[in-house]
Amino acid sequence: SVPVEGEIVCGDAWAAKRQGGSTWAIVCDGLGHGPQAREAAVAAIDCFLGVTVESPGEMISGIHGTLRGTRGASVAVAEYAAGQVRYCGIGNIGASLHQAVGVRHLVSHNGT
């Protein structure tokens, strides 16, 4: 993650964790640039790392509440377990699964 020219901090962030038998990952893009975007991204990551939920959708819902009072962010969360991926994303973040048989695109919902 690299700050946009003229800024000293970046509003992009990611994290991963193990929860039970699953591996979870988050990608976050704080809206805009600079310190306020970074504040939103850090809040999303802190929520992700600090809670236990049953699904990526539940995680997104919790992060949504956490981001109230910040600038907001585009966020995508994926859970991998037993050879399957569950995914939920809001905003301009997408993901792809690359396998020997091809690529499958995971699409986020529009939203602010």
Protein backbone atom coordinates (compact mmCIF):
# COMPACT_ATOMS: atom_id res chain seq x y z
CA SER A 1 0.00 0.00 0.00
CA VAL A 2 1.47 3.28 -1.11
CA PRO A 3 0.08 6.76 -0.35
CA VAL A 4 -1.11 8.84 -3.28
CA GLU A 5 1.36 11.58 -4.25
CA GLY A 6 1.30 14.39 -1.70
CA GLU A 7 0.00 12.25 1.20
CA ILE A 8 2.03 10.58 3.94
CA VAL A 9 -0.42 7.74 4.77
CA CYS A 10 -2.41 5.33 2.63
CA GLY A 11 -6.10 4.46 2.98
CA ASP A 12 -5.63 0.92 1.63
CA ALA A 13 -5.30 -1.97 4.06
CA TRP A 14 -5.62 -5.74 4.29
CA ALA A 15 -5.42 -8.46 6.91
CA ALA A 16 -5.89 -12.20 7.32
CA LYS A 17 -6.74 -14.43 10.26
CA ARG A 18 -7.61 -17.98 11.23
CA GLN A 19 -10.98 -18.53 12.88
CA GLY A 20 -11.86 -22.09 13.74
CA GLY A 21 -11.16 -24.17 10.65
CA SER A 22 -11.39 -21.20 8.28
CA THR A 23 -8.96 -18.68 6.85
CA TRP A 24 -10.40 -15.18 6.55
CA ALA A 25 -9.11 -12.21 4.55
CA ILE A 26 -10.15 -8.58 4.22
CA VAL A 27 -9.26 -5.88 1.70
CA CYS A 28 -10.24 -2.30 2.51
CA ASP A 29 -10.04 0.97 0.58
CA GLY A 30 -10.81 4.00 2.76
CA LEU A 31 -12.70 6.58 0.73
CA GLY A 32 -10.55 9.37 -0.64
CA HIS A 33 -6.92 9.77 0.36
CA GLY A 34 -4.79 10.66 3.34
CA PRO A 35 -5.40 10.50 7.09
CA GLN A 36 -9.21 10.27 6.97
CA ALA A 37 -9.08 7.39 4.48
CA ARG A 38 -6.46 5.69 6.67
CA GLU A 39 -8.65 6.16 9.77
CA ALA A 40 -11.55 4.36 8.06
CA ALA A 41 -9.31 1.53 6.81
CA VAL A 42 -7.77 1.00 10.27
CA ALA A 43 -11.24 0.93 11.88
CA ALA A 44 -12.38 -1.74 9.40
CA ILE A 45 -9.27 -3.87 9.98
CA ASP A 46 -9.55 -3.55 13.77
CA CYS A 47 -13.18 -4.69 13.63
CA PHE A 48 -12.27 -7.61 11.35
CA LEU A 49 -9.50 -8.78 13.66
CA GLY A 50 -11.51 -8.27 16.83
CA VAL A 51 -14.77 -10.12 16.17
CA THR A 52 -15.89 -13.68 15.49
CA VAL A 53 -18.79 -14.09 13.06
CA GLU A 54 -20.45 -16.85 11.04
CA SER A 55 -20.22 -15.39 7.52
CA PRO A 56 -18.54 -12.72 5.41
CA GLY A 57 -21.90 -10.92 5.18
CA GLU A 58 -22.09 -10.76 8.97
CA MET A 59 -18.56 -9.38 9.03
CA ILE A 60 -19.42 -6.68 6.49
CA SER A 61 -22.47 -5.74 8.57
CA GLY A 62 -20.32 -5.34 11.69
CA ILE A 63 -17.73 -3.31 9.82
CA HIS A 64 -20.49 -1.10 8.43
CA GLY A 65 -21.52 -0.15 11.96
CA THR A 66 -17.91 0.44 12.95
CA LEU A 67 -17.35 2.81 10.02
CA ARG A 68 -20.17 5.16 11.02
CA GLY A 69 -18.51 8.39 11.99
CA THR A 70 -15.62 7.82 9.60
CA ARG A 71 -15.32 8.72 5.94
CA GLY A 72 -16.30 5.14 5.04
CA ALA A 73 -14.64 2.51 2.89
CA SER A 74 -15.04 -0.11 0.21
CA VAL A 75 -14.55 -3.49 1.87
CA ALA A 76 -14.37 -7.12 0.76
CA VAL A 77 -14.20 -10.14 3.06
CA ALA A 78 -13.56 -13.75 2.07
CA GLU A 79 -13.66 -16.95 4.08
CA TYR A 80 -11.92 -20.11 2.87
CA ALA A 81 -12.72 -23.50 4.43
CA ALA A 82 -13.00 -27.08 3.21
CA GLY A 83 -12.17 -26.17 -0.38
CA GLN A 84 -14.86 -23.48 -0.63
CA VAL A 85 -14.82 -19.68 -0.60
CA ARG A 86 -17.57 -17.46 0.76
CA TYR A 87 -17.27 -13.78 -0.21
CA CYS A 88 -19.02 -10.48 0.44
CA GLY A 89 -17.94 -7.08 -0.79
CA ILE A 90 -19.31 -3.54 -0.84
CA GLY A 91 -17.93 -0.85 -3.14
CA ASN A 92 -15.26 -0.85 -5.82
CA ILE A 93 -13.39 -3.98 -4.74
CA GLY A 94 -13.54 -7.25 -6.63
CA ALA A 95 -11.73 -10.55 -6.35
CA SER A 96 -10.87 -13.48 -8.59
CA LEU A 97 -10.35 -17.18 -7.95
CA HIS A 98 -7.62 -18.55 -10.20
CA GLN A 99 -7.69 -22.31 -10.76
CA ALA A 100 -6.28 -24.69 -13.33
CA VAL A 101 -9.72 -24.79 -14.99
CA GLY A 102 -10.01 -21.01 -15.28
CA VAL A 103 -10.84 -17.82 -13.45
CA ARG A 104 -14.00 -17.07 -11.50
CA HIS A 105 -14.75 -13.43 -10.65
CA LEU A 106 -16.30 -12.48 -7.32
CA VAL A 107 -18.26 -9.26 -7.62
CA SER A 108 -18.91 -6.71 -4.88
CA HIS A 109 -22.20 -4.84 -4.50
CA ASN A 110 -22.29 -1.13 -5.25
CA GLY A 111 -22.54 0.95 -2.13
CA THR A 112 -21.25 3.79 -0.03
